[in-house]
Amino acid sequence: MFARQIEAGRPEDCRFVSFSPDSRRLVSGDVLGTIRAWDAETGRLLTTASGPAGPVRAVAFRGKGLRIASGGVRDRKGELQAL
């Protein structure tokens, strides 16, 4: 289901993905600096957040999966956001 959701958008923009520790959610980062959290089973978009300035180069869940860490190249800094 998630693959169909990405295909419906612009798959070339999505660069990095990571599963939550319980594998129920997925987080993606794109070339525009947008971070999206998805339900891994249904493909439903859960939330959208602004990431680093410029392309997202890394995304990961932290701890129990309640926060997302992201990083970019342009601003050379990491961010931590609550879900």
C-alpha atoms as a PDB file:
ATOM      1  CA  MET A   1       0.000   0.000   0.000  1.00  0.00           C
ATOM      2  CA  PHE A   2       2.757   2.461   0.922  1.00  0.00           C
ATOM      3  CA  ALA A   3       4.491   1.875  -2.400  1.00  0.00           C
ATOM      4  CA  ARG A   4       1.285   2.832  -4.220  1.00  0.00           C
ATOM      5  CA  GLN A   5       1.043   6.029  -2.148  1.00  0.00           C
ATOM      6  CA  ILE A   6       4.600   7.007  -3.107  1.00  0.00           C
ATOM      7  CA  GLU A   7       3.970   6.125  -6.757  1.00  0.00           C
ATOM      8  CA  ALA A   8       0.901   8.371  -6.764  1.00  0.00           C
ATOM      9  CA  GLY A   9       3.083  11.309  -5.708  1.00  0.00           C
ATOM     10  CA  ARG A  10       6.580  12.046  -6.935  1.00  0.00           C
ATOM     11  CA  PRO A  11       8.717   9.005  -6.093  1.00  0.00           C
ATOM     12  CA  GLU A  12      11.875  10.705  -7.324  1.00  0.00           C
ATOM     13  CA  ASP A  13      11.519  13.252  -4.496  1.00  0.00           C
ATOM     14  CA  CYS A  14      11.469  10.646  -1.683  1.00  0.00           C
ATOM     15  CA  ARG A  15      15.079   9.850  -0.769  1.00  0.00           C
ATOM     16  CA  PHE A  16      15.190   8.300   2.700  1.00  0.00           C
ATOM     17  CA  VAL A  17      12.818   6.124   4.714  1.00  0.00           C
ATOM     18  CA  SER A  18      12.974   4.491   8.143  1.00  0.00           C
ATOM     19  CA  PHE A  19      10.646   2.170  10.084  1.00  0.00           C
ATOM     20  CA  SER A  20       9.605   2.833  13.677  1.00  0.00           C
ATOM     21  CA  PRO A  21      10.875   0.366  16.308  1.00  0.00           C
ATOM     22  CA  ASP A  22       7.486  -1.427  16.302  1.00  0.00           C
ATOM     23  CA  SER A  23       7.367  -1.421  12.442  1.00  0.00           C
ATOM     24  CA  ARG A  24       3.913   0.183  12.498  1.00  0.00           C
ATOM     25  CA  ARG A  25       5.000   3.553  11.121  1.00  0.00           C
ATOM     26  CA  LEU A  26       7.364   4.760   8.451  1.00  0.00           C
ATOM     27  CA  VAL A  27       9.026   8.151   8.118  1.00  0.00           C
ATOM     28  CA  SER A  28      10.247   9.568   4.800  1.00  0.00           C
ATOM     29  CA  GLY A  29      12.373  12.560   3.834  1.00  0.00           C
ATOM     30  CA  ASP A  30      12.428  14.247   0.441  1.00  0.00           C
ATOM     31  CA  VAL A  31      14.517  16.610  -1.659  1.00  0.00           C
ATOM     32  CA  LEU A  32      12.347  19.596  -0.704  1.00  0.00           C
ATOM     33  CA  GLY A  33      13.074  19.211   3.028  1.00  0.00           C
ATOM     34  CA  THR A  34       9.691  17.693   3.894  1.00  0.00           C
ATOM     35  CA  ILE A  35       9.349  14.870   6.410  1.00  0.00           C
ATOM     36  CA  ARG A  36       6.268  12.652   6.356  1.00  0.00           C
ATOM     37  CA  ALA A  37       5.128   9.967   8.791  1.00  0.00           C
ATOM     38  CA  TRP A  38       3.000   7.129   7.397  1.00  0.00           C
ATOM     39  CA  ASP A  39       1.032   4.174   8.702  1.00  0.00           C
ATOM     40  CA  ALA A  40       3.149   1.316   7.324  1.00  0.00           C
ATOM     41  CA  GLU A  41       0.207  -1.068   6.956  1.00  0.00           C
ATOM     42  CA  THR A  42      -2.357   1.194   5.295  1.00  0.00           C
ATOM     43  CA  GLY A  43      -0.112   3.770   3.627  1.00  0.00           C
ATOM     44  CA  ARG A  44      -2.131   6.582   5.225  1.00  0.00           C
ATOM     45  CA  LEU A  45      -0.258   9.839   5.749  1.00  0.00           C
ATOM     46  CA  LEU A  46      -0.153  10.581   9.490  1.00  0.00           C
ATOM     47  CA  THR A  47       1.650  13.915   9.619  1.00  0.00           C
ATOM     48  CA  THR A  48       3.897  16.243   7.641  1.00  0.00           C
ATOM     49  CA  ALA A  49       6.667  18.429   9.033  1.00  0.00           C
ATOM     50  CA  SER A  50       9.344  20.753   7.737  1.00  0.00           C
ATOM     51  CA  GLY A  51      12.799  19.256   7.961  1.00  0.00           C
ATOM     52  CA  PRO A  52      16.204  20.769   7.374  1.00  0.00           C
ATOM     53  CA  ALA A  53      16.774  23.549   4.849  1.00  0.00           C
ATOM     54  CA  GLY A  54      17.168  21.795   1.511  1.00  0.00           C
ATOM     55  CA  PRO A  55      17.126  18.059   0.845  1.00  0.00           C
ATOM     56  CA  VAL A  56      16.682  15.621   3.716  1.00  0.00           C
ATOM     57  CA  ARG A  57      19.708  13.313   3.862  1.00  0.00           C
ATOM     58  CA  ALA A  58      18.741  11.147   6.832  1.00  0.00           C
ATOM     59  CA  VAL A  59      15.632  10.263   8.842  1.00  0.00           C
ATOM     60  CA  ALA A  60      15.273   7.923  11.804  1.00  0.00           C
ATOM     61  CA  PHE A  61      12.986   7.219  14.722  1.00  0.00           C
ATOM     62  CA  ARG A  62      14.453   7.895  18.167  1.00  0.00           C
ATOM     63  CA  GLY A  63      13.883   5.913  21.339  1.00  0.00           C
ATOM     64  CA  LYS A  64      10.427   4.350  21.459  1.00  0.00           C
ATOM     65  CA  GLY A  65       9.447   5.916  18.146  1.00  0.00           C
ATOM     66  CA  LEU A  66       7.862   9.082  19.523  1.00  0.00           C
ATOM     67  CA  ARG A  67      10.447  11.396  17.946  1.00  0.00           C
ATOM     68  CA  ILE A  68      12.024  11.690  14.528  1.00  0.00           C
ATOM     69  CA  ALA A  69      15.618  12.716  13.923  1.00  0.00           C
ATOM     70  CA  SER A  70      16.454  14.268  10.555  1.00  0.00           C
ATOM     71  CA  GLY A  71      19.451  15.871   8.926  1.00  0.00           C
ATOM     72  CA  GLY A  72      20.289  17.788   5.803  1.00  0.00           C
ATOM     73  CA  VAL A  73      23.283  18.891   3.802  1.00  0.00           C
ATOM     74  CA  ARG A  74      22.595  22.564   3.210  1.00  0.00           C
ATOM     75  CA  ASP A  75      22.304  23.675   6.809  1.00  0.00           C
ATOM     76  CA  ARG A  76      24.590  20.900   8.149  1.00  0.00           C
ATOM     77  CA  LYS A  77      22.560  20.377  11.288  1.00  0.00           C
ATOM     78  CA  GLY A  78      20.238  17.767  12.691  1.00  0.00           C
ATOM     79  CA  GLU A  79      16.762  18.224  14.082  1.00  0.00           C
ATOM     80  CA  LEU A  80      14.666  16.248  16.525  1.00  0.00           C
ATOM     81  CA  GLN A  81      10.878  16.490  16.272  1.00  0.00           C
ATOM     82  CA  ALA A  82       8.051  14.955  18.287  1.00  0.00           C
ATOM     83  CA  LEU A  83       5.362  13.019  16.438  1.00  0.00           C
END
